[in-house]
N, C-alpha and C. Protein backbone atom coordinates (compact mmCIF):
# COMPACT_ATOMS: atom_id res chain seq x y z
N UNK A 1 0.05 -21.24 10.68
CA UNK A 1 -0.27 -19.87 10.45
C UNK A 1 -1.72 -19.91 10.06
N UNK A 2 -2.42 -18.80 10.45
CA UNK A 2 -3.95 -18.74 10.23
C UNK A 2 -4.05 -18.43 8.67
N UNK A 3 -5.09 -18.95 8.14
CA UNK A 3 -5.39 -18.53 6.65
C UNK A 3 -6.12 -17.25 6.67
N UNK A 4 -6.38 -16.65 5.38
CA UNK A 4 -6.94 -15.31 5.26
C UNK A 4 -8.39 -15.43 5.77
N UNK A 5 -9.13 -16.60 5.63
CA UNK A 5 -10.50 -16.58 6.22
C UNK A 5 -10.49 -16.55 7.69
N UNK A 6 -9.41 -17.24 8.24
CA UNK A 6 -9.32 -17.25 9.76
C UNK A 6 -8.96 -15.82 10.35
N UNK A 7 -8.13 -15.13 9.61
CA UNK A 7 -7.92 -13.70 10.05
C UNK A 7 -9.07 -12.87 9.82
N UNK A 8 -9.79 -13.13 8.82
CA UNK A 8 -10.98 -12.33 8.46
C UNK A 8 -12.07 -12.41 9.64
N UNK A 9 -12.10 -13.42 10.42
CA UNK A 9 -12.99 -13.41 11.50
C UNK A 9 -12.91 -12.33 12.53
N UNK A 10 -11.71 -11.70 12.54
CA UNK A 10 -11.47 -10.43 13.37
C UNK A 10 -11.55 -9.19 12.74
N UNK A 11 -11.81 -9.18 11.50
CA UNK A 11 -11.95 -7.83 10.75
C UNK A 11 -13.14 -7.15 11.13
N UNK A 12 -13.22 -5.89 10.91
CA UNK A 12 -14.31 -5.02 11.09
C UNK A 12 -14.91 -4.68 9.85
N UNK A 13 -16.23 -4.34 9.77
CA UNK A 13 -16.84 -3.85 8.55
C UNK A 13 -16.85 -2.42 8.62
N UNK A 14 -16.35 -1.64 7.68
CA UNK A 14 -16.27 -0.16 7.53
C UNK A 14 -17.12 0.20 6.38
N UNK A 15 -17.25 1.41 5.96
CA UNK A 15 -18.12 1.93 4.94
C UNK A 15 -17.54 1.38 3.49
N UNK A 16 -16.38 1.35 3.36
CA UNK A 16 -15.71 1.01 2.00
C UNK A 16 -14.90 -0.05 1.98
N UNK A 17 -14.59 -0.71 3.22
CA UNK A 17 -13.79 -1.96 3.25
C UNK A 17 -13.94 -2.66 4.55
N UNK A 18 -13.44 -3.87 4.64
CA UNK A 18 -13.25 -4.66 5.80
C UNK A 18 -11.86 -4.51 6.14
N UNK A 19 -11.59 -4.36 7.46
CA UNK A 19 -10.19 -4.06 7.91
C UNK A 19 -9.80 -4.84 9.17
N UNK A 20 -8.55 -5.23 9.21
CA UNK A 20 -8.03 -5.95 10.35
C UNK A 20 -6.49 -6.03 10.40
N UNK A 21 -6.02 -6.59 11.43
CA UNK A 21 -4.65 -6.68 11.46
C UNK A 21 -4.14 -8.12 11.10
N UNK A 22 -3.13 -8.38 10.29
CA UNK A 22 -2.74 -9.74 9.93
C UNK A 22 -1.18 -9.85 9.99
N UNK A 23 -0.80 -10.93 10.43
CA UNK A 23 0.65 -11.15 10.57
C UNK A 23 1.16 -11.26 9.00
N UNK A 24 2.10 -10.50 8.53
CA UNK A 24 2.66 -10.49 7.15
C UNK A 24 4.11 -11.00 7.21
N UNK A 25 4.44 -12.17 6.86
CA UNK A 25 5.65 -12.73 6.89
C UNK A 25 6.73 -11.80 6.41
N UNK A 26 6.61 -11.31 5.12
CA UNK A 26 7.68 -10.52 4.60
C UNK A 26 7.90 -9.09 5.40
N UNK A 27 6.86 -8.78 6.09
CA UNK A 27 7.05 -7.47 6.91
C UNK A 27 7.40 -7.84 8.31
N UNK A 28 7.47 -9.20 8.67
CA UNK A 28 7.86 -9.60 9.96
C UNK A 28 7.07 -9.02 11.23
N UNK A 29 5.87 -8.69 10.90
CA UNK A 29 5.06 -8.12 11.92
C UNK A 29 3.52 -8.06 11.28
N UNK A 30 2.73 -7.62 12.29
CA UNK A 30 1.29 -7.50 11.97
C UNK A 30 1.16 -6.17 11.07
N UNK A 31 0.29 -6.21 10.07
CA UNK A 31 0.06 -5.03 9.26
C UNK A 31 -1.47 -4.82 9.08
N UNK A 32 -2.00 -3.66 9.04
CA UNK A 32 -3.36 -3.43 8.73
C UNK A 32 -3.65 -3.71 7.36
N UNK A 33 -4.72 -4.63 7.19
CA UNK A 33 -5.12 -4.98 5.80
C UNK A 33 -6.57 -4.52 5.64
N UNK A 34 -6.72 -3.96 4.31
CA UNK A 34 -8.14 -3.52 4.03
C UNK A 34 -8.55 -4.34 2.84
N UNK A 35 -9.79 -4.97 2.85
CA UNK A 35 -10.38 -5.77 1.82
C UNK A 35 -11.45 -4.72 1.19
N UNK A 36 -11.16 -4.19 0.00
CA UNK A 36 -12.12 -3.20 -0.52
C UNK A 36 -13.58 -3.71 -0.77
N UNK A 37 -14.51 -2.88 -0.59
CA UNK A 37 -15.96 -3.23 -0.89
C UNK A 37 -16.25 -2.56 -2.25
N UNK A 38 -15.56 -1.72 -2.79
CA UNK A 38 -15.86 -1.11 -4.06
C UNK A 38 -15.21 -1.83 -5.21
N UNK A 39 -16.11 -2.23 -6.15
CA UNK A 39 -15.56 -2.89 -7.34
C UNK A 39 -14.87 -1.80 -8.18
N UNK A 40 -13.88 -2.25 -8.98
CA UNK A 40 -13.05 -1.23 -9.70
C UNK A 40 -13.93 -0.37 -10.54
N UNK A 41 -13.67 0.89 -10.60
CA UNK A 41 -14.49 1.84 -11.37
C UNK A 41 -15.76 2.24 -10.75
N UNK A 42 -16.22 1.71 -9.57
CA UNK A 42 -17.39 1.90 -8.99
C UNK A 42 -17.36 2.55 -7.63
N UNK A 43 -18.16 3.47 -7.31
CA UNK A 43 -17.93 4.03 -5.99
C UNK A 43 -19.15 3.73 -5.10
N UNK A 44 -19.88 2.62 -5.21
CA UNK A 44 -20.92 2.20 -4.44
C UNK A 44 -20.46 0.92 -3.72
N UNK A 45 -20.28 0.92 -2.42
CA UNK A 45 -19.94 -0.30 -1.67
C UNK A 45 -20.79 -1.52 -2.01
N UNK A 46 -20.20 -2.68 -2.08
CA UNK A 46 -21.07 -3.80 -2.34
C UNK A 46 -21.41 -4.59 -0.96
N UNK A 47 -22.59 -4.92 -0.76
CA UNK A 47 -23.01 -5.60 0.46
C UNK A 47 -22.50 -7.02 0.33
N UNK A 48 -22.36 -7.63 1.45
CA UNK A 48 -21.87 -9.06 1.51
C UNK A 48 -20.31 -9.26 1.75
N UNK A 49 -19.89 -10.36 1.87
CA UNK A 49 -18.40 -10.67 2.29
C UNK A 49 -17.52 -10.27 1.03
N UNK A 50 -16.21 -10.40 1.43
CA UNK A 50 -15.20 -10.21 0.23
C UNK A 50 -15.34 -11.29 -0.68
N UNK A 51 -14.91 -11.12 -1.90
CA UNK A 51 -14.87 -12.21 -2.94
C UNK A 51 -13.82 -13.09 -2.78
N UNK A 52 -13.87 -14.31 -3.25
CA UNK A 52 -12.84 -15.37 -3.08
C UNK A 52 -11.50 -14.80 -3.50
N UNK A 53 -11.38 -14.11 -4.65
CA UNK A 53 -10.12 -13.65 -5.04
C UNK A 53 -9.38 -12.68 -4.05
N UNK A 54 -10.05 -12.06 -3.26
CA UNK A 54 -9.40 -11.17 -2.09
C UNK A 54 -8.95 -12.09 -1.20
N UNK A 55 -9.55 -13.22 -0.85
CA UNK A 55 -8.99 -14.19 0.17
C UNK A 55 -7.74 -14.86 -0.41
N UNK A 56 -7.87 -15.10 -1.78
CA UNK A 56 -6.73 -15.74 -2.45
C UNK A 56 -5.39 -14.85 -2.37
N UNK A 57 -5.75 -13.66 -2.67
CA UNK A 57 -4.57 -12.65 -2.59
C UNK A 57 -4.03 -12.46 -1.17
N UNK A 58 -4.98 -12.47 -0.22
CA UNK A 58 -4.43 -12.37 1.13
C UNK A 58 -3.62 -13.50 1.59
N UNK A 59 -4.16 -14.78 1.24
CA UNK A 59 -3.34 -15.93 1.53
C UNK A 59 -1.97 -15.88 0.87
N UNK A 60 -1.79 -15.32 -0.30
CA UNK A 60 -0.57 -15.21 -1.02
C UNK A 60 0.40 -14.32 -0.25
N UNK A 61 -0.24 -13.17 0.25
CA UNK A 61 0.60 -12.20 1.03
C UNK A 61 1.00 -12.80 2.37
N UNK A 62 0.14 -13.57 2.90
CA UNK A 62 0.50 -14.02 4.31
C UNK A 62 1.64 -15.16 4.06
N UNK A 63 1.52 -15.88 3.08
CA UNK A 63 2.58 -17.03 2.78
C UNK A 63 3.72 -16.62 2.18
N UNK A 64 3.84 -15.40 1.68
CA UNK A 64 5.08 -14.87 0.86
C UNK A 64 6.29 -14.89 1.75
N UNK A 65 7.36 -15.68 1.33
CA UNK A 65 8.55 -15.56 2.27
C UNK A 65 9.67 -15.06 1.68
N UNK A 66 9.62 -14.63 0.38
CA UNK A 66 10.85 -14.06 -0.27
C UNK A 66 11.05 -12.69 0.13
N UNK A 67 12.12 -12.01 -0.28
CA UNK A 67 12.56 -10.70 0.15
C UNK A 67 11.63 -9.56 -0.63
N UNK A 68 10.51 -9.25 -0.22
CA UNK A 68 9.80 -8.32 -0.92
C UNK A 68 10.28 -6.98 -0.38
N UNK A 69 10.71 -6.80 0.86
CA UNK A 69 11.02 -5.43 1.40
C UNK A 69 12.06 -4.71 0.56
N UNK A 70 13.05 -5.49 0.06
CA UNK A 70 14.10 -4.86 -0.87
C UNK A 70 13.43 -4.24 -2.16
N UNK A 71 12.54 -4.96 -2.73
CA UNK A 71 11.90 -4.51 -3.96
C UNK A 71 10.99 -3.27 -3.51
N UNK A 72 10.36 -3.21 -2.44
CA UNK A 72 9.52 -2.18 -2.03
C UNK A 72 10.36 -0.92 -1.68
N UNK A 73 11.51 -1.13 -0.83
CA UNK A 73 12.22 0.05 -0.64
C UNK A 73 13.03 0.71 -1.73
N UNK A 74 13.41 -0.21 -2.69
CA UNK A 74 13.96 0.35 -3.91
C UNK A 74 13.11 1.22 -4.71
N UNK A 75 11.79 0.70 -4.92
CA UNK A 75 10.75 1.49 -5.60
C UNK A 75 10.50 2.86 -4.94
N UNK A 76 10.25 2.82 -3.70
CA UNK A 76 10.03 3.98 -2.78
C UNK A 76 11.18 4.87 -2.90
N UNK A 77 12.42 4.55 -2.74
CA UNK A 77 13.50 5.31 -2.86
C UNK A 77 13.68 5.94 -4.29
N UNK A 78 13.48 5.18 -5.26
CA UNK A 78 13.53 5.72 -6.69
C UNK A 78 12.50 6.79 -6.94
N UNK A 79 11.25 6.58 -6.30
CA UNK A 79 10.25 7.50 -6.45
C UNK A 79 10.64 8.81 -5.73
N UNK A 80 11.06 8.62 -4.51
CA UNK A 80 11.49 9.74 -3.68
C UNK A 80 12.39 10.56 -4.35
N UNK A 81 13.69 10.04 -4.86
CA UNK A 81 14.62 10.66 -5.61
C UNK A 81 14.12 11.46 -6.74
N UNK A 82 13.32 10.84 -7.48
CA UNK A 82 12.74 11.45 -8.65
C UNK A 82 11.77 12.48 -8.52
N UNK A 83 10.83 12.35 -7.44
CA UNK A 83 9.67 13.09 -7.35
C UNK A 83 9.48 14.00 -6.09
N UNK A 84 10.23 13.63 -5.12
CA UNK A 84 10.05 14.29 -3.81
C UNK A 84 11.25 15.10 -3.33
N UNK A 85 12.45 14.49 -3.29
CA UNK A 85 13.56 15.05 -2.84
C UNK A 85 13.96 16.36 -3.61
N UNK A 86 13.94 17.52 -3.09
CA UNK A 86 14.38 18.74 -3.63
C UNK A 86 13.26 19.37 -4.59
N UNK A 87 12.13 18.85 -4.52
CA UNK A 87 11.03 19.29 -5.43
C UNK A 87 10.14 20.38 -4.88
N UNK A 88 10.01 20.37 -3.55
CA UNK A 88 9.01 21.36 -2.99
C UNK A 88 9.54 21.86 -1.60
N UNK A 89 9.16 22.96 -1.20
CA UNK A 89 9.33 23.55 0.09
C UNK A 89 8.27 22.97 0.95
N UNK A 90 8.69 22.37 2.14
CA UNK A 90 7.59 21.80 3.07
C UNK A 90 7.49 22.70 4.37
N UNK A 91 6.33 23.26 4.54
CA UNK A 91 6.35 24.17 5.65
C UNK A 91 5.15 23.66 6.66
N UNK A 92 5.51 23.75 7.91
CA UNK A 92 4.47 23.30 8.95
C UNK A 92 4.47 24.39 10.01
N UNK A 93 3.32 24.91 10.22
CA UNK A 93 3.17 26.07 11.26
C UNK A 93 4.00 27.19 10.99
N UNK A 94 4.17 27.51 9.58
CA UNK A 94 5.00 28.66 9.16
C UNK A 94 6.53 28.40 9.27
N UNK A 95 7.02 27.24 9.58
CA UNK A 95 8.30 26.96 9.64
C UNK A 95 8.66 26.07 8.51
N UNK A 96 9.85 26.25 7.96
CA UNK A 96 10.45 25.44 6.93
C UNK A 96 10.94 24.15 7.49
N UNK A 97 10.42 22.96 7.14
CA UNK A 97 10.79 21.81 7.64
C UNK A 97 11.36 20.82 6.62
N UNK A 98 11.71 21.42 5.32
CA UNK A 98 12.09 20.64 4.28
C UNK A 98 13.29 19.77 4.51
N UNK A 99 14.15 20.22 5.23
CA UNK A 99 15.38 19.35 5.58
C UNK A 99 15.03 18.12 6.41
N UNK A 100 14.07 18.27 7.26
CA UNK A 100 13.63 17.15 8.07
C UNK A 100 12.65 16.25 7.50
N UNK A 101 11.78 16.76 6.76
CA UNK A 101 10.72 16.12 6.03
C UNK A 101 11.17 15.33 4.82
N UNK A 102 12.01 15.96 3.96
CA UNK A 102 12.55 15.39 2.82
C UNK A 102 14.00 15.58 2.68
N UNK A 103 14.76 14.89 3.65
CA UNK A 103 16.28 15.09 3.63
C UNK A 103 16.79 14.25 2.45
N UNK A 104 18.16 14.59 2.19
CA UNK A 104 18.87 13.80 1.16
C UNK A 104 19.12 12.40 1.92
N UNK A 105 18.87 11.37 0.94
CA UNK A 105 18.98 10.02 1.40
C UNK A 105 20.15 9.39 0.45
N UNK A 106 20.95 8.62 0.99
CA UNK A 106 22.05 8.01 0.19
C UNK A 106 21.89 6.51 -0.09
N UNK A 107 20.85 5.96 0.45
CA UNK A 107 20.67 4.54 0.14
C UNK A 107 19.11 4.14 0.27
N UNK A 108 18.77 3.16 -0.42
CA UNK A 108 17.30 2.70 -0.36
C UNK A 108 16.84 2.42 1.11
N UNK A 109 17.61 1.88 1.83
CA UNK A 109 17.27 1.49 3.25
C UNK A 109 16.87 2.65 4.13
N UNK A 110 17.32 3.81 3.74
CA UNK A 110 17.26 4.99 4.48
C UNK A 110 15.63 5.51 4.33
N UNK A 111 14.99 5.07 3.23
CA UNK A 111 13.60 5.53 2.95
C UNK A 111 12.70 5.21 4.25
N UNK A 112 12.90 4.14 4.95
CA UNK A 112 11.91 3.80 6.21
C UNK A 112 11.91 4.80 7.10
N UNK A 113 12.91 5.63 7.25
CA UNK A 113 12.74 6.74 8.35
C UNK A 113 11.78 7.81 7.96
N UNK A 114 11.31 7.77 6.70
CA UNK A 114 10.36 8.73 6.25
C UNK A 114 8.95 8.20 6.02
N UNK A 115 8.75 6.95 6.31
CA UNK A 115 7.60 6.14 6.16
C UNK A 115 6.86 5.76 7.38
N UNK A 116 5.53 5.95 7.55
CA UNK A 116 4.72 5.73 8.66
C UNK A 116 3.48 4.90 8.27
N UNK A 117 2.97 4.11 9.16
CA UNK A 117 1.73 3.55 9.00
C UNK A 117 1.47 2.73 7.72
N UNK A 118 2.31 1.85 7.32
CA UNK A 118 2.07 1.01 6.10
C UNK A 118 0.87 0.09 6.19
N UNK A 119 0.10 0.04 5.27
CA UNK A 119 -1.14 -0.87 5.15
C UNK A 119 -1.35 -1.49 3.80
N UNK A 120 -1.89 -2.49 3.69
CA UNK A 120 -2.21 -3.13 2.43
C UNK A 120 -3.67 -3.15 2.18
N UNK A 121 -3.87 -2.80 0.85
CA UNK A 121 -5.24 -2.73 0.48
C UNK A 121 -5.38 -3.72 -0.64
N UNK A 122 -6.48 -4.54 -0.68
CA UNK A 122 -6.64 -5.68 -1.69
C UNK A 122 -8.00 -5.31 -2.43
N UNK A 123 -7.93 -5.10 -3.64
CA UNK A 123 -9.10 -4.61 -4.45
C UNK A 123 -10.05 -5.74 -4.60
N UNK A 124 -11.29 -5.27 -4.81
CA UNK A 124 -12.31 -6.26 -4.96
C UNK A 124 -12.40 -6.75 -6.41
N UNK A 125 -11.67 -7.81 -6.74
CA UNK A 125 -11.50 -8.41 -8.03
C UNK A 125 -12.45 -9.75 -8.06
N UNK A 126 -13.16 -9.98 -9.10
CA UNK A 126 -13.96 -10.97 -9.20
C UNK A 126 -13.50 -12.25 -9.80
N UNK A 127 -12.32 -11.99 -10.54
CA UNK A 127 -11.93 -13.13 -11.36
C UNK A 127 -10.18 -12.99 -11.50
N UNK A 128 -9.60 -13.88 -12.13
CA UNK A 128 -8.24 -13.74 -12.39
C UNK A 128 -7.81 -12.92 -13.63
N UNK A 129 -8.80 -12.14 -14.20
CA UNK A 129 -8.46 -11.30 -15.31
C UNK A 129 -7.50 -10.10 -15.13
N UNK A 130 -7.31 -9.77 -13.85
CA UNK A 130 -6.40 -8.75 -13.38
C UNK A 130 -5.14 -9.36 -12.72
N UNK A 131 -4.04 -8.81 -13.02
CA UNK A 131 -2.82 -9.38 -12.39
C UNK A 131 -2.43 -8.47 -11.11
N UNK A 132 -3.40 -7.56 -10.64
CA UNK A 132 -3.03 -6.78 -9.71
C UNK A 132 -3.18 -7.49 -8.42
N UNK A 133 -2.19 -7.53 -7.54
CA UNK A 133 -2.28 -8.18 -6.32
C UNK A 133 -2.86 -7.31 -5.21
N UNK A 134 -2.08 -6.29 -4.94
CA UNK A 134 -2.52 -5.45 -3.85
C UNK A 134 -1.77 -4.18 -3.83
N UNK A 135 -2.06 -3.16 -3.10
CA UNK A 135 -1.52 -1.86 -2.85
C UNK A 135 -0.95 -1.78 -1.53
N UNK A 136 0.25 -1.12 -1.38
CA UNK A 136 0.82 -0.79 -0.10
C UNK A 136 0.69 0.65 0.01
N UNK A 137 -0.02 1.20 1.01
CA UNK A 137 -0.37 2.51 1.17
C UNK A 137 0.39 2.89 2.52
N UNK A 138 1.03 4.14 2.48
CA UNK A 138 1.82 4.60 3.51
C UNK A 138 1.69 6.11 3.68
N UNK A 139 1.77 6.50 5.05
CA UNK A 139 2.15 7.91 5.29
C UNK A 139 3.49 8.26 4.99
N UNK A 140 3.80 9.35 4.63
CA UNK A 140 5.23 9.75 4.42
C UNK A 140 5.51 11.13 4.83
N UNK A 141 6.67 11.51 5.24
CA UNK A 141 7.04 12.82 5.80
C UNK A 141 7.01 13.87 4.70
N UNK A 142 7.33 13.48 3.49
CA UNK A 142 7.47 14.44 2.43
C UNK A 142 6.15 14.82 1.77
N UNK A 143 5.02 14.15 2.08
CA UNK A 143 3.61 14.46 1.51
C UNK A 143 2.71 14.04 2.61
N UNK A 144 2.64 14.71 3.78
CA UNK A 144 1.88 14.29 4.88
C UNK A 144 0.37 14.34 4.56
N UNK A 145 -0.10 15.15 3.57
CA UNK A 145 -1.57 15.17 3.25
C UNK A 145 -1.89 13.94 2.42
N UNK A 146 -1.06 13.59 1.44
CA UNK A 146 -1.59 12.51 0.55
C UNK A 146 -0.85 11.09 0.80
N UNK A 147 0.32 11.19 1.46
CA UNK A 147 0.98 9.84 1.42
C UNK A 147 1.51 9.37 0.15
N UNK A 148 1.89 8.07 0.20
CA UNK A 148 2.44 7.40 -0.89
C UNK A 148 1.81 6.04 -1.17
N UNK A 149 1.62 5.56 -2.31
CA UNK A 149 1.00 4.31 -2.65
C UNK A 149 1.73 3.68 -3.65
N UNK A 150 1.89 2.25 -3.49
CA UNK A 150 2.61 1.42 -4.36
C UNK A 150 1.75 0.40 -4.90
N UNK A 151 1.60 0.21 -6.21
CA UNK A 151 0.87 -0.93 -6.87
C UNK A 151 1.75 -2.16 -7.03
N UNK A 152 1.37 -3.26 -6.38
CA UNK A 152 2.30 -4.42 -6.60
C UNK A 152 1.43 -5.44 -7.51
N UNK A 153 2.10 -5.96 -8.57
CA UNK A 153 1.58 -6.83 -9.48
C UNK A 153 2.56 -7.98 -9.57
N UNK A 154 2.02 -9.13 -9.17
CA UNK A 154 2.96 -10.47 -9.15
C UNK A 154 4.19 -10.10 -8.54
N UNK A 155 4.24 -9.48 -7.36
CA UNK A 155 5.39 -9.18 -6.49
C UNK A 155 6.40 -8.23 -7.18
N UNK A 156 5.91 -7.51 -8.14
CA UNK A 156 6.91 -6.57 -8.91
C UNK A 156 6.14 -5.14 -8.66
N UNK A 157 6.97 -4.08 -8.88
CA UNK A 157 6.46 -2.87 -8.76
C UNK A 157 6.91 -1.96 -10.00
N UNK A 158 6.14 -1.54 -10.79
CA UNK A 158 6.43 -0.80 -12.05
C UNK A 158 6.84 0.62 -11.47
N UNK A 159 7.83 1.32 -12.24
CA UNK A 159 8.13 2.77 -11.89
C UNK A 159 6.95 3.66 -11.91
N UNK A 160 6.11 3.43 -12.82
CA UNK A 160 4.91 4.33 -13.02
C UNK A 160 3.76 3.94 -12.06
N UNK A 161 4.00 3.00 -11.13
CA UNK A 161 2.90 2.69 -10.17
C UNK A 161 3.35 2.99 -8.64
N UNK A 162 4.07 3.98 -8.61
CA UNK A 162 4.34 4.53 -7.24
C UNK A 162 4.08 6.02 -7.31
N UNK A 163 3.25 6.45 -6.33
CA UNK A 163 2.95 7.88 -6.37
C UNK A 163 2.04 8.24 -5.13
N UNK A 164 1.57 9.33 -5.19
CA UNK A 164 0.72 9.83 -4.05
C UNK A 164 -0.58 9.08 -4.07
N UNK A 165 -1.13 8.92 -2.85
CA UNK A 165 -2.31 8.15 -2.74
C UNK A 165 -3.50 8.97 -3.53
N UNK A 166 -4.32 8.37 -4.28
CA UNK A 166 -5.34 8.98 -5.06
C UNK A 166 -5.06 8.94 -6.46
N UNK A 167 -3.78 8.77 -6.93
CA UNK A 167 -3.44 8.69 -8.24
C UNK A 167 -3.85 7.38 -9.07
N UNK A 168 -4.16 6.40 -8.29
CA UNK A 168 -4.41 5.06 -8.79
C UNK A 168 -5.74 4.46 -8.70
N UNK A 169 -6.66 5.41 -8.69
CA UNK A 169 -8.11 5.00 -8.60
C UNK A 169 -8.54 4.19 -9.73
N UNK A 170 -7.86 4.41 -10.97
CA UNK A 170 -8.24 3.62 -12.14
C UNK A 170 -7.27 2.47 -12.40
N UNK A 171 -6.28 2.26 -11.62
CA UNK A 171 -5.26 1.33 -11.95
C UNK A 171 -5.95 -0.07 -12.20
N UNK A 172 -6.97 -0.46 -11.64
CA UNK A 172 -7.41 -1.70 -11.94
C UNK A 172 -8.14 -1.95 -13.32
N UNK A 173 -8.32 -0.84 -13.92
CA UNK A 173 -8.90 -0.95 -15.32
C UNK A 173 -7.93 -1.02 -16.35
N UNK A 174 -6.60 -0.96 -16.01
CA UNK A 174 -5.50 -0.93 -17.09
C UNK A 174 -5.45 -2.28 -17.61
């Protein structure tokens, strides 16, 4: 299996990150991966390649073989039940689509029918002082404008680290 640095050879440089597709074992498929160019708390992209820590995290993701999908779906399901289901009217083109976009779910495995375009974002961390490993960012039917983001620390997901994209800009300073 290729290493993070080998996968990186096919990444493209964008304004705020490097991005490319990487085979992720726990996802059983290729996923879009972003290596951030922005240091935590800074909004000015850094010139130059990703830092070693980003490659270390990507290697850990590539090589992870345990069942992370169950952890992820349980966290997403819990967030959906507490913060999305039954909380808002969803209208598209003047039509109420709440029952289709935010239906009642009976098990964590059902959350995947509401999720689209999952991708991984790895922050620009210079050292090991942070335990943040990565974020999983996804589009979702119940919040099409903002999507949903999950912060993963050492392969665990805290209840307060699942939310709409944009809520976690300062998460790396905790």
